[in-house]
Amino acid sequence: MADRIAEIQARAEAATKGPWFVERHQPTLTRRVVSDDHALDADLGYLGNSNQFDAEFIAHAREDIPFLLDELARVQAAADELLAERDAARREVAAMEEMAAFYSKQAAS
């Protein structure tokens, strides 16, 4: 999964800077996804109403993907921290169990 995340991150970093937005060409009903500086200008044509939703999805992807990658990194860091705490607690329990076994033997003798 780490490779896939790295590939997505690389594509996001290489893409035209945002924000992107949808332009609707009224006479032809086509949709275009463009960036503020028009460095990106993708004509999606007109394929019916689904094209409008596709254009919105594509336009929002420029900001949504980096947001989701950042959120994934935050959640992964939190999960790693919790796993480290769990492992430390397990080591502590094992040490206490050893100590309890030692004193139990001492009391029995």
C-alpha atoms as a PDB file:
ATOM      1  CA  MET A   1       0.000   0.000   0.000  1.00  0.00           C
ATOM      2  CA  ALA A   2       2.886   2.372   0.713  1.00  0.00           C
ATOM      3  CA  ASP A   3       3.943   2.178  -2.948  1.00  0.00           C
ATOM      4  CA  ARG A   4       0.445   3.080  -4.111  1.00  0.00           C
ATOM      5  CA  ILE A   5       0.286   6.019  -1.689  1.00  0.00           C
ATOM      6  CA  ALA A   6       3.682   7.221  -2.950  1.00  0.00           C
ATOM      7  CA  GLU A   7       2.463   6.988  -6.555  1.00  0.00           C
ATOM      8  CA  ILE A   8      -0.673   8.992  -5.733  1.00  0.00           C
ATOM      9  CA  GLN A   9       1.420  11.570  -3.856  1.00  0.00           C
ATOM     10  CA  ALA A  10       3.780  11.918  -6.831  1.00  0.00           C
ATOM     11  CA  ARG A  11       0.873  12.439  -9.240  1.00  0.00           C
ATOM     12  CA  ALA A  12      -0.670  15.035  -6.926  1.00  0.00           C
ATOM     13  CA  GLU A  13       2.616  16.922  -6.655  1.00  0.00           C
ATOM     14  CA  ALA A  14       3.174  16.830 -10.433  1.00  0.00           C
ATOM     15  CA  ALA A  15      -0.326  18.058 -11.308  1.00  0.00           C
ATOM     16  CA  THR A  16      -1.078  21.658 -12.236  1.00  0.00           C
ATOM     17  CA  LYS A  17      -1.451  23.758  -9.111  1.00  0.00           C
ATOM     18  CA  GLY A  18      -4.992  24.520  -8.000  1.00  0.00           C
ATOM     19  CA  PRO A  19      -7.540  25.428  -7.280  1.00  0.00           C
ATOM     20  CA  TRP A  20      -9.369  23.978 -10.238  1.00  0.00           C
ATOM     21  CA  PHE A  21     -12.937  24.811 -11.133  1.00  0.00           C
ATOM     22  CA  VAL A  22     -15.587  23.931 -13.688  1.00  0.00           C
ATOM     23  CA  GLU A  23     -16.511  26.269 -16.519  1.00  0.00           C
ATOM     24  CA  ARG A  24     -19.822  25.644 -18.200  1.00  0.00           C
ATOM     25  CA  HIS A  25     -20.016  26.684 -21.822  1.00  0.00           C
ATOM     26  CA  GLN A  26     -23.703  27.509 -22.157  1.00  0.00           C
ATOM     27  CA  PRO A  27     -24.191  27.355 -25.943  1.00  0.00           C
ATOM     28  CA  THR A  28     -22.754  23.821 -26.263  1.00  0.00           C
ATOM     29  CA  LEU A  29     -23.385  22.606 -22.684  1.00  0.00           C
ATOM     30  CA  THR A  30     -19.802  21.320 -22.531  1.00  0.00           C
ATOM     31  CA  ARG A  31     -17.816  21.275 -19.302  1.00  0.00           C
ATOM     32  CA  ARG A  32     -14.207  22.331 -18.876  1.00  0.00           C
ATOM     33  CA  VAL A  33     -11.996  21.882 -15.842  1.00  0.00           C
ATOM     34  CA  VAL A  34      -9.594  24.809 -15.582  1.00  0.00           C
ATOM     35  CA  SER A  35      -7.095  26.201 -13.111  1.00  0.00           C
ATOM     36  CA  ASP A  36      -7.021  29.837 -12.004  1.00  0.00           C
ATOM     37  CA  ASP A  37      -4.160  30.626 -14.384  1.00  0.00           C
ATOM     38  CA  HIS A  38      -5.639  28.437 -17.147  1.00  0.00           C
ATOM     39  CA  ALA A  39      -2.479  26.301 -17.169  1.00  0.00           C
ATOM     40  CA  LEU A  40      -4.968  23.461 -16.954  1.00  0.00           C
ATOM     41  CA  ASP A  41      -7.810  23.474 -19.475  1.00  0.00           C
ATOM     42  CA  ALA A  42      -9.474  20.091 -19.905  1.00  0.00           C
ATOM     43  CA  ASP A  43     -12.522  19.990 -22.180  1.00  0.00           C
ATOM     44  CA  LEU A  44     -14.832  17.175 -21.102  1.00  0.00           C
ATOM     45  CA  GLY A  45     -17.294  17.766 -23.917  1.00  0.00           C
ATOM     46  CA  TYR A  46     -20.940  16.936 -23.359  1.00  0.00           C
ATOM     47  CA  LEU A  47     -22.000  13.424 -22.515  1.00  0.00           C
ATOM     48  CA  GLY A  48     -25.213  14.201 -20.704  1.00  0.00           C
ATOM     49  CA  ASN A  49     -25.657  15.132 -17.074  1.00  0.00           C
ATOM     50  CA  SER A  50     -23.018  12.668 -15.840  1.00  0.00           C
ATOM     51  CA  ASN A  51     -20.408  14.899 -17.443  1.00  0.00           C
ATOM     52  CA  GLN A  52     -21.325  17.691 -15.026  1.00  0.00           C
ATOM     53  CA  PHE A  53     -20.695  15.425 -12.042  1.00  0.00           C
ATOM     54  CA  ASP A  54     -17.449  14.099 -13.541  1.00  0.00           C
ATOM     55  CA  ALA A  55     -16.225  17.654 -14.080  1.00  0.00           C
ATOM     56  CA  GLU A  56     -17.014  18.579 -10.467  1.00  0.00           C
ATOM     57  CA  PHE A  57     -15.241  15.442  -9.239  1.00  0.00           C
ATOM     58  CA  ILE A  58     -12.142  16.171 -11.329  1.00  0.00           C
ATOM     59  CA  ALA A  59     -12.062  19.834 -10.324  1.00  0.00           C
ATOM     60  CA  HIS A  60     -12.329  19.015  -6.616  1.00  0.00           C
ATOM     61  CA  ALA A  61      -9.746  16.222  -6.852  1.00  0.00           C
ATOM     62  CA  ARG A  62      -6.954  18.825  -6.984  1.00  0.00           C
ATOM     63  CA  GLU A  63      -7.663  19.820  -3.398  1.00  0.00           C
ATOM     64  CA  ASP A  64      -9.379  16.638  -2.179  1.00  0.00           C
ATOM     65  CA  ILE A  65      -6.497  14.250  -2.951  1.00  0.00           C
ATOM     66  CA  PRO A  66      -3.815  16.224  -1.053  1.00  0.00           C
ATOM     67  CA  PHE A  67      -6.265  16.660   1.848  1.00  0.00           C
ATOM     68  CA  LEU A  68      -6.937  12.919   1.958  1.00  0.00           C
ATOM     69  CA  LEU A  69      -3.213  12.108   1.731  1.00  0.00           C
ATOM     70  CA  ASP A  70      -2.508  14.454   4.658  1.00  0.00           C
ATOM     71  CA  GLU A  71      -5.361  12.924   6.648  1.00  0.00           C
ATOM     72  CA  LEU A  72      -4.097   9.419   5.872  1.00  0.00           C
ATOM     73  CA  ALA A  73      -0.622  10.381   7.103  1.00  0.00           C
ATOM     74  CA  ARG A  74      -2.102  11.855  10.299  1.00  0.00           C
ATOM     75  CA  VAL A  75      -4.184   8.741  10.977  1.00  0.00           C
ATOM     76  CA  GLN A  76      -1.232   6.449  10.211  1.00  0.00           C
ATOM     77  CA  ALA A  77       0.968   8.401  12.633  1.00  0.00           C
ATOM     78  CA  ALA A  78      -1.715   8.111  15.329  1.00  0.00           C
ATOM     79  CA  ALA A  79      -2.049   4.372  14.651  1.00  0.00           C
ATOM     80  CA  ASP A  80       1.735   3.931  14.852  1.00  0.00           C
ATOM     81  CA  GLU A  81       1.776   5.774  18.180  1.00  0.00           C
ATOM     82  CA  LEU A  82      -1.019   3.588  19.552  1.00  0.00           C
ATOM     83  CA  LEU A  83       0.760   0.431  18.393  1.00  0.00           C
ATOM     84  CA  ALA A  84       3.953   1.583  20.120  1.00  0.00           C
ATOM     85  CA  GLU A  85       1.997   2.244  23.332  1.00  0.00           C
ATOM     86  CA  ARG A  86       0.379  -1.207  23.067  1.00  0.00           C
ATOM     87  CA  ASP A  87       3.764  -2.865  22.603  1.00  0.00           C
ATOM     88  CA  ALA A  88       5.186  -0.991  25.603  1.00  0.00           C
ATOM     89  CA  ALA A  89       2.190  -2.037  27.715  1.00  0.00           C
ATOM     90  CA  ARG A  90       2.659  -5.674  26.660  1.00  0.00           C
ATOM     91  CA  ARG A  91       6.318  -5.538  27.698  1.00  0.00           C
ATOM     92  CA  GLU A  92       5.327  -4.036  31.039  1.00  0.00           C
ATOM     93  CA  VAL A  93       2.701  -6.743  31.616  1.00  0.00           C
ATOM     94  CA  ALA A  94       5.225  -9.460  30.741  1.00  0.00           C
ATOM     95  CA  ALA A  95       7.725  -7.994  33.227  1.00  0.00           C
ATOM     96  CA  MET A  96       5.052  -7.858  35.943  1.00  0.00           C
ATOM     97  CA  GLU A  97       4.025 -11.453  35.212  1.00  0.00           C
ATOM     98  CA  GLU A  98       7.662 -12.534  35.571  1.00  0.00           C
ATOM     99  CA  MET A  99       7.905 -10.662  38.847  1.00  0.00           C
ATOM    100  CA  ALA A 100       4.642 -12.210  40.103  1.00  0.00           C
ATOM    101  CA  ALA A 101       5.885 -15.689  39.174  1.00  0.00           C
ATOM    102  CA  PHE A 102       9.185 -15.038  40.989  1.00  0.00           C
ATOM    103  CA  TYR A 103       7.474 -13.876  44.193  1.00  0.00           C
ATOM    104  CA  SER A 104       4.948 -16.689  43.972  1.00  0.00           C
ATOM    105  CA  LYS A 105       7.857 -19.183  43.933  1.00  0.00           C
ATOM    106  CA  GLN A 106       9.511 -17.359  46.824  1.00  0.00           C
ATOM    107  CA  ALA A 107       6.325 -17.520  48.885  1.00  0.00           C
ATOM    108  CA  ALA A 108       5.876 -21.234  48.156  1.00  0.00           C
ATOM    109  CA  SER A 109       9.371 -22.149  49.365  1.00  0.00           C
END
